[in-house]
N, C-alpha and C. Protein backbone atom coordinates (compact mmCIF):
# COMPACT_ATOMS: atom_id res chain seq x y z
N MET A 1 3.92 -7.09 21.25
CA MET A 1 4.54 -6.93 22.33
C MET A 1 4.07 -7.70 23.57
N PHE A 2 3.32 -8.37 23.76
CA PHE A 2 2.77 -9.18 24.59
C PHE A 2 3.98 -9.93 25.70
N GLU A 3 4.82 -11.04 24.63
CA GLU A 3 5.61 -11.82 25.13
C GLU A 3 6.90 -11.06 25.33
N ASN A 4 7.74 -10.15 26.00
CA ASN A 4 8.95 -10.11 26.09
C ASN A 4 9.61 -10.47 27.01
N TYR A 5 10.55 -10.99 25.88
CA TYR A 5 12.12 -12.06 26.08
C TYR A 5 12.88 -10.98 27.02
N PHE A 6 12.87 -10.08 27.46
CA PHE A 6 13.88 -9.16 27.73
C PHE A 6 13.64 -9.03 29.30
N GLY A 7 14.49 -8.59 29.87
CA GLY A 7 14.23 -8.40 31.14
C GLY A 7 14.72 -6.44 31.18
N GLY A 8 14.26 -6.27 32.38
CA GLY A 8 14.39 -4.90 33.41
C GLY A 8 14.08 -3.75 32.19
N GLU A 9 15.12 -2.26 32.68
CA GLU A 9 14.35 -1.20 31.99
C GLU A 9 15.12 -1.13 30.28
N VAL A 10 15.92 -1.33 29.77
CA VAL A 10 16.68 -0.78 28.70
C VAL A 10 15.85 -1.88 28.03
N ASP A 11 16.21 -2.79 28.02
CA ASP A 11 15.56 -4.12 27.31
C ASP A 11 14.32 -4.14 26.99
N VAL A 12 13.69 -3.25 27.70
CA VAL A 12 11.83 -2.99 27.34
C VAL A 12 11.70 -2.12 26.42
N GLN A 13 13.28 -1.32 26.01
CA GLN A 13 12.83 -0.41 24.85
C GLN A 13 13.76 -0.75 24.02
N ILE A 14 14.83 -1.90 24.16
CA ILE A 14 15.08 -3.02 23.36
C ILE A 14 13.87 -3.17 22.73
N ASN A 15 12.94 -3.98 23.30
CA ASN A 15 12.13 -4.55 22.80
C ASN A 15 11.52 -3.63 21.87
N ALA A 16 10.85 -2.47 21.90
CA ALA A 16 10.42 -1.58 22.15
C ALA A 16 10.84 -0.47 20.26
N PHE A 17 12.08 -0.95 20.28
CA PHE A 17 12.60 -0.61 18.87
C PHE A 17 12.68 -1.45 18.17
N MET A 18 12.82 -2.40 18.50
CA MET A 18 12.83 -4.39 17.54
C MET A 18 11.71 -3.92 17.21
N SER A 19 10.41 -3.90 17.49
CA SER A 19 9.26 -4.03 17.21
C SER A 19 8.87 -2.49 16.29
N GLY A 20 9.27 -1.81 16.00
CA GLY A 20 9.23 -0.33 15.03
C GLY A 20 9.86 -0.64 14.03
N THR A 21 11.20 -1.55 14.24
CA THR A 21 11.96 -1.81 13.31
C THR A 21 11.24 -2.17 11.97
N VAL A 22 10.45 -3.78 13.35
CA VAL A 22 9.74 -4.87 11.91
C VAL A 22 8.80 -4.31 11.69
N TRP A 23 8.13 -3.32 11.92
CA TRP A 23 6.74 -2.67 11.40
C TRP A 23 6.82 -2.13 10.50
N ASN A 24 8.37 -0.87 10.56
CA ASN A 24 8.62 -0.67 9.21
C ASN A 24 9.11 -1.24 7.86
N LEU A 25 9.66 -1.99 8.62
CA LEU A 25 10.43 -3.25 7.51
C LEU A 25 9.29 -4.02 6.92
N LYS A 26 8.11 -4.43 7.40
CA LYS A 26 7.07 -4.65 6.77
C LYS A 26 6.60 -4.30 5.84
N LYS A 27 5.98 -2.55 6.07
CA LYS A 27 5.76 -1.36 5.29
C LYS A 27 6.48 -1.44 4.07
N MET A 28 7.93 -1.75 3.95
CA MET A 28 8.89 -1.07 2.99
C MET A 28 8.78 -2.80 2.17
N MET A 29 8.82 -3.91 2.79
CA MET A 29 8.52 -4.96 1.83
C MET A 29 7.17 -4.76 0.77
N GLN A 30 5.90 -4.34 1.63
CA GLN A 30 4.45 -4.14 1.12
C GLN A 30 5.06 -3.16 -0.41
N LYS A 31 5.52 -2.34 0.05
CA LYS A 31 5.83 -1.05 -1.42
C LYS A 31 6.81 -2.10 -2.19
N LEU A 32 8.33 -2.87 -1.90
CA LEU A 32 8.42 -3.17 -2.75
C LEU A 32 7.50 -4.59 -3.43
N LYS A 33 7.20 -4.93 -3.01
CA LYS A 33 6.32 -6.33 -3.71
C LYS A 33 5.15 -5.63 -4.59
N GLU A 34 4.51 -4.33 -4.13
CA GLU A 34 3.64 -3.50 -5.04
C GLU A 34 4.40 -3.28 -6.29
N GLY A 35 5.93 -2.49 -6.66
CA GLY A 35 6.62 -1.94 -7.45
C GLY A 35 6.84 -3.39 -8.09
N PHE A 36 7.45 -4.31 -7.70
CA PHE A 36 7.45 -5.52 -8.49
C PHE A 36 6.61 -6.13 -9.04
N LEU A 37 5.51 -6.13 -8.60
CA LEU A 37 4.23 -6.77 -9.86
C LEU A 37 3.54 -5.75 -10.49
N ARG A 38 3.72 -4.43 -10.33
CA ARG A 38 3.21 -3.34 -11.14
C ARG A 38 4.61 -3.51 -12.53
N ILE A 39 5.59 -4.07 -12.32
CA ILE A 39 6.40 -4.28 -13.45
C ILE A 39 6.65 -5.89 -14.12
N ILE A 40 6.55 -6.51 -13.52
CA ILE A 40 5.76 -7.92 -13.92
C ILE A 40 4.44 -7.82 -14.44
N PHE A 41 3.42 -7.00 -14.44
CA PHE A 41 2.66 -6.72 -14.97
C PHE A 41 2.56 -6.09 -16.03
N ARG A 42 3.53 -4.72 -16.12
CA ARG A 42 3.55 -4.36 -17.50
C ARG A 42 4.41 -5.11 -18.55
N LEU A 43 5.03 -5.67 -18.00
CA LEU A 43 5.58 -6.82 -19.39
C LEU A 43 5.35 -7.56 -19.52
N PHE A 44 3.89 -8.61 -18.66
CA PHE A 44 3.37 -9.04 -19.32
C PHE A 44 2.22 -8.85 -20.40
N PHE A 45 1.78 -7.93 -19.71
CA PHE A 45 0.37 -7.16 -20.29
C PHE A 45 0.93 -5.27 -20.30
N PRO A 46 1.33 -5.46 -21.61
CA PRO A 46 2.03 -3.78 -21.89
C PRO A 46 0.61 -2.76 -22.18
N ARG A 47 -0.33 -3.42 -22.60
CA ARG A 47 -1.17 -2.45 -22.88
C ARG A 47 -2.24 -2.23 -22.34
N GLY A 48 -2.43 -3.01 -20.83
CA GLY A 48 -3.61 -3.26 -19.89
C GLY A 48 -4.42 -3.97 -20.64
N PHE A 49 -5.57 -4.29 -19.91
CA PHE A 49 -6.86 -5.09 -19.95
C PHE A 49 -7.89 -3.64 -20.65
N ARG A 50 -8.35 -4.34 -22.22
CA ARG A 50 -9.16 -3.44 -22.53
C ARG A 50 -10.79 -4.50 -22.38
N CYS A 51 -11.74 -3.38 -22.62
CA CYS A 51 -13.12 -4.09 -22.69
C CYS A 51 -13.42 -5.01 -24.25
N ALA A 52 -13.65 -6.27 -24.13
CA ALA A 52 -13.51 -6.97 -25.75
C ALA A 52 -15.37 -6.46 -25.94
N ALA A 53 -16.24 -6.61 -25.37
CA ALA A 53 -17.69 -6.48 -25.07
C ALA A 53 -18.39 -5.20 -25.74
N ALA A 54 -17.60 -3.84 -25.82
CA ALA A 54 -17.79 -2.80 -25.81
C ALA A 54 -17.07 -2.50 -27.56
């Protein structure tokens, strides 16, 4: 929020709401990525990894 391209009191609030929205979208995308990778991992490695040395 160092660079505020908007001017005025209402525009500062808009900038804050937009920053919060971007933060929440970033967290949601991280969770979606983790879920997608979990599905792909289970498709290609259905039994998981097992230690062959033991």
